[in-house]
Every structure is written in structure tokens, then in C-alpha cells.
Amino acid sequence: MKKYLLITIAMLGLLSAQGVVTQLDNGSINYSDQTITAVGIGFVPTNAVNAGQARRMALRIAKQDAMRQLIEIVNGVTLTSETTMSGAMVD
């Protein structure tokens, strides 16, 4: 009995160490670390004057794409709050 209990506790420890991560099409939500991650893709515009400007423009496009995807992810997340105070008036 102790052996099974120890194995169960070890498995629960491994599961909690990995965290709760939801993979989405355009990113991921890590509930354990409280982070939302998205990847943006940028392209090199044809109207760039030189390589430096092309790189900056591609990075800007990629950042805008990542921000758009973050907004899409956040719109799908429902937040709830609960007020609890121990040893005070509100519980």
C-alpha cells in the first residue's frame, strides 16, 4: 500500500512540475507561469531601400502579427475573481 501511495505522490509531483499549458493554433497559455505566448511572422517588403530597412520592417510586421495573435488569445480567456479574507470581515 505504501509503495502505491509513494508512486502516486511521485506522479503528482511530476505533473505539477510540468505545469498546465494549453496549446493553441496561434500560441499557448501557461497557467502555472501565468504567461501567454504567441509567435509573429514577418516578411521582407519589396519597397525597402536597403537590407537594414528591410530587416526593421520585417521585425515590425512580425511584432504586429504577434500582438494580433495575443489579442485573439486573450479574447478567448475568461477571468474570474473571488474575494476572501481570513480573520477579517469579508469571507
PDB file of N, CA and C in Angstrom:
ATOM      1  N   MET A   1       0.824  -1.190   0.000  1.00  0.00           N
ATOM      2  CA  MET A   1       0.000   0.000   0.000  1.00  0.00           C
ATOM      3  C   MET A   1       0.870   1.257   0.000  1.00  0.00           C
ATOM      4  N   LYS A   2       1.927   1.253   0.814  1.00  0.00           N
ATOM      5  CA  LYS A   2       2.819   2.409   0.865  1.00  0.00           C
ATOM      6  C   LYS A   2       3.519   2.616  -0.471  1.00  0.00           C
ATOM      7  N   LYS A   3       3.820   1.507  -1.146  1.00  0.00           N
ATOM      8  CA  LYS A   3       4.503   1.590  -2.432  1.00  0.00           C
ATOM      9  C   LYS A   3       3.628   2.305  -3.462  1.00  0.00           C
ATOM     10  N   TYR A   4       2.340   1.960  -3.509  1.00  0.00           N
ATOM     11  CA  TYR A   4       1.429   2.595  -4.452  1.00  0.00           C
ATOM     12  C   TYR A   4       1.204   4.062  -4.111  1.00  0.00           C
ATOM     13  N   LEU A   5       1.140   4.368  -2.832  1.00  0.00           N
ATOM     14  CA  LEU A   5       0.969   5.752  -2.397  1.00  0.00           C
ATOM     15  C   LEU A   5       2.180   6.584  -2.793  1.00  0.00           C
ATOM     16  N   LEU A   6       3.370   6.027  -2.631  1.00  0.00           N
ATOM     17  CA  LEU A   6       4.595   6.731  -2.993  1.00  0.00           C
ATOM     18  C   LEU A   6       4.663   6.968  -4.499  1.00  0.00           C
ATOM     19  N   ILE A   7       4.262   5.981  -5.288  1.00  0.00           N
ATOM     20  CA  ILE A   7       4.253   6.135  -6.743  1.00  0.00           C
ATOM     21  C   ILE A   7       3.243   7.200  -7.154  1.00  0.00           C
ATOM     22  N   THR A   8       2.082   7.209  -6.520  1.00  0.00           N
ATOM     23  CA  THR A   8       1.060   8.204  -6.830  1.00  0.00           C
ATOM     24  C   THR A   8       1.547   9.607  -6.494  1.00  0.00           C
ATOM     25  N   ILE A   9       2.189   9.769  -5.359  1.00  0.00           N
ATOM     26  CA  ILE A   9       2.713  11.081  -4.968  1.00  0.00           C
ATOM     27  C   ILE A   9       3.806  11.523  -5.938  1.00  0.00           C
ATOM     28  N   ALA A  10       4.652  10.597  -6.364  1.00  0.00           N
ATOM     29  CA  ALA A  10       5.713  10.932  -7.317  1.00  0.00           C
ATOM     30  C   ALA A  10       5.119  11.365  -8.653  1.00  0.00           C
ATOM     31  N   MET A  11       4.082  10.679  -9.113  1.00  0.00           N
ATOM     32  CA  MET A  11       3.438  11.042 -10.375  1.00  0.00           C
ATOM     33  C   MET A  11       2.779  12.416 -10.276  1.00  0.00           C
ATOM     34  N   LEU A  12       2.133  12.694  -9.156  1.00  0.00           N
ATOM     35  CA  LEU A  12       1.520  14.011  -8.979  1.00  0.00           C
ATOM     36  C   LEU A  12       2.578  15.102  -8.951  1.00  0.00           C
ATOM     37  N   GLY A  13       3.724  14.818  -8.364  1.00  0.00           N
ATOM     38  CA  GLY A  13       4.819  15.785  -8.349  1.00  0.00           C
ATOM     39  C   GLY A  13       5.330  16.076  -9.747  1.00  0.00           C
ATOM     40  N   LEU A  14       5.436  15.047 -10.579  1.00  0.00           N
ATOM     41  CA  LEU A  14       5.878  15.251 -11.955  1.00  0.00           C
ATOM     42  C   LEU A  14       4.865  16.053 -12.752  1.00  0.00           C
ATOM     43  N   LEU A  15       3.592  15.768 -12.544  1.00  0.00           N
ATOM     44  CA  LEU A  15       2.560  16.503 -13.275  1.00  0.00           C
ATOM     45  C   LEU A  15       2.524  17.968 -12.874  1.00  0.00           C
ATOM     46  N   SER A  16       2.686  18.247 -11.590  1.00  0.00           N
ATOM     47  CA  SER A  16       2.644  19.641 -11.157  1.00  0.00           C
ATOM     48  C   SER A  16       3.901  20.392 -11.571  1.00  0.00           C
ATOM     49  N   ALA A  17       5.021  19.696 -11.737  1.00  0.00           N
ATOM     50  CA  ALA A  17       6.256  20.357 -12.157  1.00  0.00           C
ATOM     51  C   ALA A  17       6.171  20.805 -13.611  1.00  0.00           C
ATOM     52  N   GLN A  18       5.410  20.073 -14.431  1.00  0.00           N
ATOM     53  CA  GLN A  18       5.292  20.428 -15.837  1.00  0.00           C
ATOM     54  C   GLN A  18       4.395  21.638 -16.037  1.00  0.00           C
ATOM     55  N   GLY A  19       3.463  21.863 -15.164  1.00  0.00           N
ATOM     56  CA  GLY A  19       2.563  22.994 -15.291  1.00  0.00           C
ATOM     57  C   GLY A  19       1.395  22.677 -16.201  1.00  0.00           C
ATOM     58  N   VAL A  20       0.487  23.605 -16.247  1.00  0.00           N
ATOM     59  CA  VAL A  20      -0.699  23.457 -17.080  1.00  0.00           C
ATOM     60  C   VAL A  20      -0.538  24.387 -18.270  1.00  0.00           C
ATOM     61  N   VAL A  21      -0.371  23.797 -19.450  1.00  0.00           N
ATOM     62  CA  VAL A  21      -0.157  24.571 -20.670  1.00  0.00           C
ATOM     63  C   VAL A  21      -1.217  24.171 -21.685  1.00  0.00           C
ATOM     64  N   THR A  22      -1.877  25.157 -22.255  1.00  0.00           N
ATOM     65  CA  THR A  22      -2.847  24.925 -23.314  1.00  0.00           C
ATOM     66  C   THR A  22      -2.235  25.396 -24.627  1.00  0.00           C
ATOM     67  N   GLN A  23      -2.046  24.471 -25.558  1.00  0.00           N
ATOM     68  CA  GLN A  23      -1.504  24.817 -26.866  1.00  0.00           C
ATOM     69  C   GLN A  23      -2.648  25.229 -27.784  1.00  0.00           C
ATOM     70  N   LEU A  24      -2.498  26.353 -28.438  1.00  0.00           N
ATOM     71  CA  LEU A  24      -3.489  26.852 -29.376  1.00  0.00           C
ATOM     72  C   LEU A  24      -2.874  26.918 -30.767  1.00  0.00           C
ATOM     73  N   ASP A  25      -3.694  27.232 -31.766  1.00  0.00           N
ATOM     74  CA  ASP A  25      -3.182  27.349 -33.130  1.00  0.00           C
ATOM     75  C   ASP A  25      -2.169  28.479 -33.263  1.00  0.00           C
ATOM     76  N   ASN A  26      -2.412  29.575 -32.564  1.00  0.00           N
ATOM     77  CA  ASN A  26      -1.581  30.759 -32.735  1.00  0.00           C
ATOM     78  C   ASN A  26      -0.719  31.083 -31.518  1.00  0.00           C
ATOM     79  N   GLY A  27      -0.570  30.152 -30.573  1.00  0.00           N
ATOM     80  CA  GLY A  27       0.257  30.398 -29.398  1.00  0.00           C
ATOM     81  C   GLY A  27      -0.046  29.404 -28.296  1.00  0.00           C
ATOM     82  N   SER A  28       0.256  29.803 -27.054  1.00  0.00           N
ATOM     83  CA  SER A  28      -0.005  28.924 -25.919  1.00  0.00           C
ATOM     84  C   SER A  28      -0.281  29.754 -24.675  1.00  0.00           C
ATOM     85  N   ILE A  29      -1.009  29.136 -23.742  1.00  0.00           N
ATOM     86  CA  ILE A  29      -1.295  29.746 -22.448  1.00  0.00           C
ATOM     87  C   ILE A  29      -0.710  28.833 -21.389  1.00  0.00           C
ATOM     88  N   ASN A  30       0.185  29.369 -20.552  1.00  0.00           N
ATOM     89  CA  ASN A  30       0.773  28.617 -19.454  1.00  0.00           C
ATOM     90  C   ASN A  30       0.149  29.148 -18.171  1.00  0.00           C
ATOM     91  N   TYR A  31      -0.764  28.372 -17.605  1.00  0.00           N
ATOM     92  CA  TYR A  31      -1.474  28.808 -16.409  1.00  0.00           C
ATOM     93  C   TYR A  31      -0.590  28.757 -15.173  1.00  0.00           C
ATOM     94  N   SER A  32       0.404  27.887 -15.155  1.00  0.00           N
ATOM     95  CA  SER A  32       1.293  27.784 -13.997  1.00  0.00           C
ATOM     96  C   SER A  32       2.204  29.002 -13.890  1.00  0.00           C
ATOM     97  N   ASP A  33       2.779  29.426 -15.024  1.00  0.00           N
ATOM     98  CA  ASP A  33       3.662  30.595 -15.030  1.00  0.00           C
ATOM     99  C   ASP A  33       2.903  31.892 -15.259  1.00  0.00           C
ATOM    100  N   GLN A  34       1.610  31.785 -15.571  1.00  0.00           N
ATOM    101  CA  GLN A  34       0.752  32.925 -15.871  1.00  0.00           C
ATOM    102  C   GLN A  34       1.308  33.730 -17.043  1.00  0.00           C
ATOM    103  N   THR A  35       1.624  33.021 -18.129  1.00  0.00           N
ATOM    104  CA  THR A  35       2.136  33.680 -19.325  1.00  0.00           C
ATOM    105  C   THR A  35       1.331  33.248 -20.545  1.00  0.00           C
ATOM    106  N   ILE A  36       1.256  34.141 -21.503  1.00  0.00           N
ATOM    107  CA  ILE A  36       0.645  33.856 -22.798  1.00  0.00           C
ATOM    108  C   ILE A  36       1.719  34.108 -23.845  1.00  0.00           C
ATOM    109  N   THR A  37       1.897  33.155 -24.749  1.00  0.00           N
ATOM    110  CA  THR A  37       2.957  33.243 -25.740  1.00  0.00           C
ATOM    111  C   THR A  37       2.370  33.155 -27.140  1.00  0.00           C
ATOM    112  N   ALA A  38       2.863  34.000 -28.026  1.00  0.00           N
ATOM    113  CA  ALA A  38       2.467  33.953 -29.433  1.00  0.00           C
ATOM    114  C   ALA A  38       3.695  34.233 -30.286  1.00  0.00           C
ATOM    115  N   VAL A  39       3.677  33.726 -31.502  1.00  0.00           N
ATOM    116  CA  VAL A  39       4.784  33.928 -32.433  1.00  0.00           C
ATOM    117  C   VAL A  39       4.251  34.680 -33.640  1.00  0.00           C
ATOM    118  N   GLY A  40       4.941  35.749 -34.006  1.00  0.00           N
ATOM    119  CA  GLY A  40       4.554  36.520 -35.179  1.00  0.00           C
ATOM    120  C   GLY A  40       5.471  36.212 -36.348  1.00  0.00           C
ATOM    121  N   ILE A  41       4.918  36.275 -37.531  1.00  0.00           N
ATOM    122  CA  ILE A  41       5.687  36.012 -38.743  1.00  0.00           C
ATOM    123  C   ILE A  41       5.699  37.284 -39.580  1.00  0.00           C
ATOM    124  N   GLY A  42       6.894  37.713 -39.974  1.00  0.00           N
ATOM    125  CA  GLY A  42       7.032  38.906 -40.797  1.00  0.00           C
ATOM    126  C   GLY A  42       7.680  38.567 -42.124  1.00  0.00           C
ATOM    127  N   PHE A  43       7.484  39.417 -43.092  1.00  0.00           N
ATOM    128  CA  PHE A  43       8.068  39.217 -44.414  1.00  0.00           C
ATOM    129  C   PHE A  43       8.851  40.465 -44.797  1.00  0.00           C
ATOM    130  N   VAL A  44       9.749  40.310 -45.730  1.00  0.00           N
ATOM    131  CA  VAL A  44      10.549  41.436 -46.203  1.00  0.00           C
ATOM    132  C   VAL A  44       9.749  42.156 -47.286  1.00  0.00           C
ATOM    133  N   PRO A  45       9.405  43.426 -47.051  1.00  0.00           N
ATOM    134  CA  PRO A  45       8.645  44.166 -48.059  1.00  0.00           C
ATOM    135  C   PRO A  45       9.493  44.455 -49.303  1.00  0.00           C
ATOM    136  N   THR A  46       8.831  44.597 -50.412  1.00  0.00           N
ATOM    137  CA  THR A  46       9.545  44.850 -51.666  1.00  0.00           C
ATOM    138  C   THR A  46       9.986  46.302 -51.802  1.00  0.00           C
ATOM    139  N   ASN A  47       9.393  47.210 -51.023  1.00  0.00           N
ATOM    140  CA  ASN A  47       9.726  48.629 -51.162  1.00  0.00           C
ATOM    141  C   ASN A  47      10.835  49.076 -50.208  1.00  0.00           C
ATOM    142  N   ALA A  48      11.586  48.147 -49.627  1.00  0.00           N
ATOM    143  CA  ALA A  48      12.683  48.505 -48.725  1.00  0.00           C
ATOM    144  C   ALA A  48      13.859  49.057 -49.531  1.00  0.00           C
ATOM    145  N   VAL A  49      14.500  50.096 -48.990  1.00  0.00           N
ATOM    146  CA  VAL A  49      15.612  50.744 -49.680  1.00  0.00           C
ATOM    147  C   VAL A  49      16.890  49.916 -49.569  1.00  0.00           C
ATOM    148  N   ASN A  50      17.168  49.392 -48.358  1.00  0.00           N
ATOM    149  CA  ASN A  50      18.377  48.592 -48.162  1.00  0.00           C
ATOM    150  C   ASN A  50      18.076  47.437 -47.213  1.00  0.00           C
ATOM    151  N   ALA A  51      19.090  46.627 -46.927  1.00  0.00           N
ATOM    152  CA  ALA A  51      18.895  45.433 -46.099  1.00  0.00           C
ATOM    153  C   ALA A  51      18.519  45.787 -44.660  1.00  0.00           C
ATOM    154  N   GLY A  52      19.098  46.854 -44.124  1.00  0.00           N
ATOM    155  CA  GLY A  52      18.781  47.264 -42.753  1.00  0.00           C
ATOM    156  C   GLY A  52      17.327  47.677 -42.606  1.00  0.00           C
ATOM    157  N   GLN A  53      16.852  48.454 -43.560  1.00  0.00           N
ATOM    158  CA  GLN A  53      15.455  48.881 -43.518  1.00  0.00           C
ATOM    159  C   GLN A  53      14.529  47.680 -43.715  1.00  0.00           C
ATOM    160  N   ALA A  54      14.908  46.759 -44.582  1.00  0.00           N
ATOM    161  CA  ALA A  54      14.092  45.567 -44.818  1.00  0.00           C
ATOM    162  C   ALA A  54      13.975  44.739 -43.542  1.00  0.00           C
ATOM    163  N   ARG A  55      15.083  44.609 -42.814  1.00  0.00           N
ATOM    164  CA  ARG A  55      15.066  43.847 -41.557  1.00  0.00           C
ATOM    165  C   ARG A  55      14.173  44.517 -40.520  1.00  0.00           C
ATOM    166  N   ARG A  56      14.310  45.833 -40.369  1.00  0.00           N
ATOM    167  CA  ARG A  56      13.478  46.557 -39.398  1.00  0.00           C
ATOM    168  C   ARG A  56      11.995  46.456 -39.750  1.00  0.00           C
ATOM    169  N   MET A  57      11.682  46.551 -41.023  1.00  0.00           N
ATOM    170  CA  MET A  57      10.285  46.463 -41.443  1.00  0.00           C
ATOM    171  C   MET A  57       9.733  45.057 -41.209  1.00  0.00           C
ATOM    172  N   ALA A  58      10.548  44.035 -41.471  1.00  0.00           N
ATOM    173  CA  ALA A  58      10.105  42.658 -41.245  1.00  0.00           C
ATOM    174  C   ALA A  58       9.880  42.400 -39.756  1.00  0.00           C
ATOM    175  N   LEU A  59      10.767  42.924 -38.898  1.00  0.00           N
ATOM    176  CA  LEU A  59      10.583  42.772 -37.451  1.00  0.00           C
ATOM    177  C   LEU A  59       9.318  43.481 -36.978  1.00  0.00           C
ATOM    178  N   ARG A  60       9.062  44.647 -37.522  1.00  0.00           N
ATOM    179  CA  ARG A  60       7.860  45.391 -37.140  1.00  0.00           C
ATOM    180  C   ARG A  60       6.598  44.629 -37.548  1.00  0.00           C
ATOM    181  N   ILE A  61       6.608  44.058 -38.733  1.00  0.00           N
ATOM    182  CA  ILE A  61       5.462  43.274 -39.201  1.00  0.00           C
ATOM    183  C   ILE A  61       5.270  42.038 -38.321  1.00  0.00           C
ATOM    184  N   ALA A  62       6.373  41.387 -37.939  1.00  0.00           N
ATOM    185  CA  ALA A  62       6.290  40.198 -37.085  1.00  0.00           C
ATOM    186  C   ALA A  62       5.746  40.556 -35.703  1.00  0.00           C
ATOM    187  N   LYS A  63       6.182  41.692 -35.146  1.00  0.00           N
ATOM    188  CA  LYS A  63       5.671  42.125 -33.838  1.00  0.00           C
ATOM    189  C   LYS A  63       4.183  42.429 -33.913  1.00  0.00           C
ATOM    190  N   GLN A  64       3.748  43.086 -34.978  1.00  0.00           N
ATOM    191  CA  GLN A  64       2.324  43.382 -35.134  1.00  0.00           C
ATOM    192  C   GLN A  64       1.511  42.100 -35.254  1.00  0.00           C
ATOM    193  N   ASP A  65       2.045  41.113 -35.964  1.00  0.00           N
ATOM    194  CA  ASP A  65       1.359  39.833 -36.101  1.00  0.00           C
ATOM    195  C   ASP A  65       1.266  39.123 -34.751  1.00  0.00           C
ATOM    196  N   ALA A  66       2.352  39.153 -33.970  1.00  0.00           N
ATOM    197  CA  ALA A  66       2.339  38.520 -32.645  1.00  0.00           C
ATOM    198  C   ALA A  66       1.352  39.219 -31.718  1.00  0.00           C
ATOM    199  N   MET A  67       1.306  40.543 -31.757  1.00  0.00           N
ATOM    200  CA  MET A  67       0.357  41.289 -30.919  1.00  0.00           C
ATOM    201  C   MET A  67      -1.086  40.964 -31.312  1.00  0.00           C
ATOM    202  N   ARG A  68      -1.346  40.850 -32.602  1.00  0.00           N
ATOM    203  CA  ARG A  68      -2.688  40.494 -33.063  1.00  0.00           C
ATOM    204  C   ARG A  68      -3.078  39.114 -32.554  1.00  0.00           C
ATOM    205  N   GLN A  69      -2.134  38.184 -32.594  1.00  0.00           N
ATOM    206  CA  GLN A  69      -2.424  36.837 -32.117  1.00  0.00           C
ATOM    207  C   GLN A  69      -2.606  36.808 -30.602  1.00  0.00           C
ATOM    208  N   LEU A  70      -1.841  37.628 -29.863  1.00  0.00           N
ATOM    209  CA  LEU A  70      -2.036  37.720 -28.414  1.00  0.00           C
ATOM    210  C   LEU A  70      -3.427  38.238 -28.082  1.00  0.00           C
ATOM    211  N   ILE A  71      -3.885  39.222 -28.828  1.00  0.00           N
ATOM    212  CA  ILE A  71      -5.230  39.761 -28.600  1.00  0.00           C
ATOM    213  C   ILE A  71      -6.280  38.689 -28.864  1.00  0.00           C
ATOM    214  N   GLU A  72      -6.099  37.903 -29.915  1.00  0.00           N
ATOM    215  CA  GLU A  72      -7.039  36.818 -30.200  1.00  0.00           C
ATOM    216  C   GLU A  72      -7.060  35.799 -29.066  1.00  0.00           C
ATOM    217  N   ILE A  73      -5.886  35.488 -28.507  1.00  0.00           N
ATOM    218  CA  ILE A  73      -5.820  34.521 -27.409  1.00  0.00           C
ATOM    219  C   ILE A  73      -6.491  35.087 -26.165  1.00  0.00           C
ATOM    220  N   VAL A  74      -6.191  36.341 -25.829  1.00  0.00           N
ATOM    221  CA  VAL A  74      -6.736  36.953 -24.616  1.00  0.00           C
ATOM    222  C   VAL A  74      -8.249  37.090 -24.710  1.00  0.00           C
ATOM    223  N   ASN A  75      -8.779  37.350 -25.882  1.00  0.00           N
ATOM    224  CA  ASN A  75     -10.232  37.448 -26.030  1.00  0.00           C
ATOM    225  C   ASN A  75     -10.919  36.129 -25.717  1.00  0.00           C
ATOM    226  N   GLY A  76     -10.215  35.016 -25.841  1.00  0.00           N
ATOM    227  CA  GLY A  76     -10.803  33.716 -25.557  1.00  0.00           C
ATOM    228  C   GLY A  76     -10.631  33.262 -24.121  1.00  0.00           C
ATOM    229  N   VAL A  77      -9.905  34.029 -23.286  1.00  0.00           N
ATOM    230  CA  VAL A  77      -9.653  33.650 -21.897  1.00  0.00           C
ATOM    231  C   VAL A  77     -10.689  34.308 -21.002  1.00  0.00           C
ATOM    232  N   THR A  78     -11.301  33.521 -20.136  1.00  0.00           N
ATOM    233  CA  THR A  78     -12.270  34.048 -19.184  1.00  0.00           C
ATOM    234  C   THR A  78     -11.611  34.151 -17.817  1.00  0.00           C
ATOM    235  N   LEU A  79     -11.668  35.334 -17.229  1.00  0.00           N
ATOM    236  CA  LEU A  79     -11.076  35.556 -15.919  1.00  0.00           C
ATOM    237  C   LEU A  79     -12.169  35.622 -14.870  1.00  0.00           C
ATOM    238  N   THR A  80     -11.902  35.027 -13.720  1.00  0.00           N
ATOM    239  CA  THR A  80     -12.826  35.122 -12.595  1.00  0.00           C
ATOM    240  C   THR A  80     -12.044  35.591 -11.385  1.00  0.00           C
ATOM    241  N   SER A  81     -12.731  36.232 -10.477  1.00  0.00           N
ATOM    242  CA  SER A  81     -12.073  36.676  -9.253  1.00  0.00           C
ATOM    243  C   SER A  81     -12.945  36.306  -8.066  1.00  0.00           C
ATOM    244  N   GLU A  82     -12.300  36.179  -6.932  1.00  0.00           N
ATOM    245  CA  GLU A  82     -13.003  35.826  -5.711  1.00  0.00           C
ATOM    246  C   GLU A  82     -12.338  36.573  -4.567  1.00  0.00           C
ATOM    247  N   THR A  83     -13.140  37.203  -3.740  1.00  0.00           N
ATOM    248  CA  THR A  83     -12.603  37.949  -2.612  1.00  0.00           C
ATOM    249  C   THR A  83     -12.696  37.097  -1.357  1.00  0.00           C
ATOM    250  N   THR A  84     -11.561  36.804  -0.766  1.00  0.00           N
ATOM    251  CA  THR A  84     -11.537  36.085   0.507  1.00  0.00           C
ATOM    252  C   THR A  84     -10.533  36.761   1.420  1.00  0.00           C
ATOM    253  N   MET A  85     -10.906  36.916   2.648  1.00  0.00           N
ATOM    254  CA  MET A  85     -10.006  37.471   3.654  1.00  0.00           C
ATOM    255  C   MET A  85     -10.182  36.643   4.913  1.00  0.00           C
ATOM    256  N   SER A  86      -9.136  36.027   5.357  1.00  0.00           N
ATOM    257  CA  SER A  86      -9.251  35.242   6.582  1.00  0.00           C
ATOM    258  C   SER A  86      -8.946  36.138   7.778  1.00  0.00           C
ATOM    259  N   GLY A  87      -9.732  35.992   8.807  1.00  0.00           N
ATOM    260  CA  GLY A  87      -9.539  36.791  10.010  1.00  0.00           C
ATOM    261  C   GLY A  87     -10.030  38.217   9.863  1.00  0.00           C
ATOM    262  N   ALA A  88     -10.886  38.474   8.900  1.00  0.00           N
ATOM    263  CA  ALA A  88     -11.410  39.827   8.706  1.00  0.00           C
ATOM    264  C   ALA A  88     -12.919  39.739   8.509  1.00  0.00           C
ATOM    265  N   MET A  89     -13.521  40.830   8.135  1.00  0.00           N
ATOM    266  CA  MET A  89     -14.970  40.879   7.990  1.00  0.00           C
ATOM    267  C   MET A  89     -15.452  40.132   6.745  1.00  0.00           C
ATOM    268  N   VAL A  90     -14.726  40.215   5.652  1.00  0.00           N
ATOM    269  CA  VAL A  90     -15.174  39.640   4.390  1.00  0.00           C
ATOM    270  C   VAL A  90     -14.615  38.236   4.247  1.00  0.00           C
ATOM    271  N   ASP A  91     -15.462  37.288   3.881  1.00  0.00           N
ATOM    272  CA  ASP A  91     -15.040  35.913   3.585  1.00  0.00           C
ATOM    273  C   ASP A  91     -15.717  35.426   2.342  1.00  0.00           C
TER     274      ASP A  91
END
